[in-house]
C-alpha atoms as a PDB file:
ATOM      1  CA  UNK A   1     108.635 130.618  89.238  1.00  0.00           C
ATOM      2  CA  UNK A   2     104.950 130.463  88.912  1.00  0.00           C
ATOM      3  CA  UNK A   3     102.179 127.587  90.335  1.00  0.00           C
ATOM      4  CA  UNK A   4     101.026 125.474  87.516  1.00  0.00           C
ATOM      5  CA  UNK A   5      97.186 125.625  87.037  1.00  0.00           C
ATOM      6  CA  UNK A   6      95.557 122.560  86.237  1.00  0.00           C
ATOM      7  CA  UNK A   7      92.719 122.357  83.526  1.00  0.00           C
ATOM      8  CA  UNK A   8      92.036 125.570  85.131  1.00  0.00           C
ATOM      9  CA  UNK A   9      91.526 124.584  88.236  1.00  0.00           C
ATOM     10  CA  UNK A  10      92.129 127.261  91.236  1.00  0.00           C
ATOM     11  CA  UNK A  11      94.239 125.447  94.331  1.00  0.00           C
ATOM     12  CA  UNK A  12      92.619 123.681  96.823  1.00  0.00           C
ATOM     13  CA  UNK A  13      92.772 124.745 100.342  1.00  0.00           C
ATOM     14  CA  UNK A  14      94.221 122.236 101.816  1.00  0.00           C
ATOM     15  CA  UNK A  15      94.907 124.146 105.317  1.00  0.00           C
ATOM     16  CA  UNK A  16      90.837 123.738 105.616  1.00  0.00           C
ATOM     17  CA  UNK A  17      88.536 121.130 106.369  1.00  0.00           C
ATOM     18  CA  UNK A  18      90.318 117.648 107.631  1.00  0.00           C
ATOM     19  CA  UNK A  19      93.428 117.388 105.021  1.00  0.00           C
ATOM     20  CA  UNK A  20      96.279 116.064 106.399  1.00  0.00           C
ATOM     21  CA  UNK A  21     100.090 115.388 104.871  1.00  0.00           C
ATOM     22  CA  UNK A  22     100.025 112.307 102.660  1.00  0.00           C
ATOM     23  CA  UNK A  23     103.383 111.160 104.863  1.00  0.00           C
ATOM     24  CA  UNK A  24     100.167 109.962 107.068  1.00  0.00           C
ATOM     25  CA  UNK A  25      98.135 108.372 104.966  1.00  0.00           C
ATOM     26  CA  UNK A  26      97.176 104.401 105.011  1.00  0.00           C
ATOM     27  CA  UNK A  27      99.088 102.258 103.205  1.00  0.00           C
ATOM     28  CA  UNK A  28      96.772  99.558 103.510  1.00  0.00           C
ATOM     29  CA  UNK A  29      94.172  99.145 100.596  1.00  0.00           C
ATOM     30  CA  UNK A  30      92.297 101.621 102.221  1.00  0.00           C
ATOM     31  CA  UNK A  31      90.410 103.785  99.589  1.00  0.00           C
ATOM     32  CA  UNK A  32      90.366 107.642 100.582  1.00  0.00           C
ATOM     33  CA  UNK A  33      90.349 111.260  99.132  1.00  0.00           C
ATOM     34  CA  UNK A  34      93.509 112.916  98.032  1.00  0.00           C
ATOM     35  CA  UNK A  35      94.701 115.853  96.172  1.00  0.00           C
ATOM     36  CA  UNK A  36      97.405 117.119  94.560  1.00  0.00           C
ATOM     37  CA  UNK A  37      96.882 121.176  95.392  1.00  0.00           C
ATOM     38  CA  UNK A  38      94.350 121.336  92.409  1.00  0.00           C
ATOM     39  CA  UNK A  39      92.223 118.084  91.737  1.00  0.00           C
ATOM     40  CA  UNK A  40      90.534 115.298  94.301  1.00  0.00           C
ATOM     41  CA  UNK A  41      90.335 111.985  93.376  1.00  0.00           C
ATOM     42  CA  UNK A  42      89.571 108.751  95.387  1.00  0.00           C
ATOM     43  CA  UNK A  43      93.150 106.436  95.350  1.00  0.00           C
ATOM     44  CA  UNK A  44      94.731 103.470  97.177  1.00  0.00           C
ATOM     45  CA  UNK A  45      97.638 102.476  98.096  1.00  0.00           C
ATOM     46  CA  UNK A  46      98.432  99.494  95.891  1.00  0.00           C
ATOM     47  CA  UNK A  47     102.280  97.578  95.643  1.00  0.00           C
ATOM     48  CA  UNK A  48     104.020 100.372  96.459  1.00  0.00           C
ATOM     49  CA  UNK A  49     102.109 103.420  94.321  1.00  0.00           C
ATOM     50  CA  UNK A  50      98.631 105.337  94.450  1.00  0.00           C
ATOM     51  CA  UNK A  51      96.301 103.948  92.247  1.00  0.00           C
ATOM     52  CA  UNK A  52      93.084 105.289  91.141  1.00  0.00           C
ATOM     53  CA  UNK A  53      90.099 103.550  89.705  1.00  0.00           C
ATOM     54  CA  UNK A  54      89.568 103.422  85.863  1.00  0.00           C
ATOM     55  CA  UNK A  55      86.134 104.373  84.814  1.00  0.00           C
ATOM     56  CA  UNK A  56      86.176 102.615  81.596  1.00  0.00           C
ATOM     57  CA  UNK A  57      87.043  99.423  83.771  1.00  0.00           C
ATOM     58  CA  UNK A  58      85.360  99.327  86.837  1.00  0.00           C
ATOM     59  CA  UNK A  59      87.685  95.888  87.915  1.00  0.00           C
ATOM     60  CA  UNK A  60      90.862  98.001  87.149  1.00  0.00           C
ATOM     61  CA  UNK A  61      93.187 100.252  88.870  1.00  0.00           C
ATOM     62  CA  UNK A  62      95.980 102.323  87.773  1.00  0.00           C
ATOM     63  CA  UNK A  63      98.652 104.297  88.506  1.00  0.00           C
ATOM     64  CA  UNK A  64      97.678 108.014  89.884  1.00  0.00           C
ATOM     65  CA  UNK A  65     100.231 109.563  87.566  1.00  0.00           C
ATOM     66  CA  UNK A  66      98.628 112.664  86.879  1.00  0.00           C
ATOM     67  CA  UNK A  67     100.399 113.989  89.588  1.00  0.00           C
ATOM     68  CA  UNK A  68     101.517 113.443  93.184  1.00  0.00           C
ATOM     69  CA  UNK A  69      99.321 113.488  95.938  1.00  0.00           C
ATOM     70  CA  UNK A  70     100.246 116.245  98.641  1.00  0.00           C
ATOM     71  CA  UNK A  71      97.498 115.709 101.283  1.00  0.00           C
ATOM     72  CA  UNK A  72      94.305 113.441 101.957  1.00  0.00           C
ATOM     73  CA  UNK A  73      91.137 112.717 104.331  1.00  0.00           C
ATOM     74  CA  UNK A  74      89.477 109.508 104.980  1.00  0.00           C
ATOM     75  CA  UNK A  75      86.228 108.811 102.755  1.00  0.00           C
ATOM     76  CA  UNK A  76      82.833 110.400 104.306  1.00  0.00           C
ATOM     77  CA  UNK A  77      80.255 108.425 105.759  1.00  0.00           C
ATOM     78  CA  UNK A  78      77.496 107.867 103.237  1.00  0.00           C
ATOM     79  CA  UNK A  79      73.735 109.068 104.003  1.00  0.00           C
ATOM     80  CA  UNK A  80      71.944 107.675 106.624  1.00  0.00           C
ATOM     81  CA  UNK A  81      68.923 105.876 105.117  1.00  0.00           C
ATOM     82  CA  UNK A  82      71.177 104.787 101.888  1.00  0.00           C
END
């Protein structure tokens, strides 16, 4: 069985940095960074599903149905002075 490649992206090494298993992700609407192993998106849990901000409509979130997230990390703090 071969590992699928998404849009030609190499796999993301989730053993490095602060990646945690998605099971431990907050499900209270907090926005987090998540990966499926190939893509990283800012998502949040809403009404029982992971959702992503719709780029064409900033007031509308849609299901992140591309791929199921496997790992997550908190969003980084903004730079000082911003």
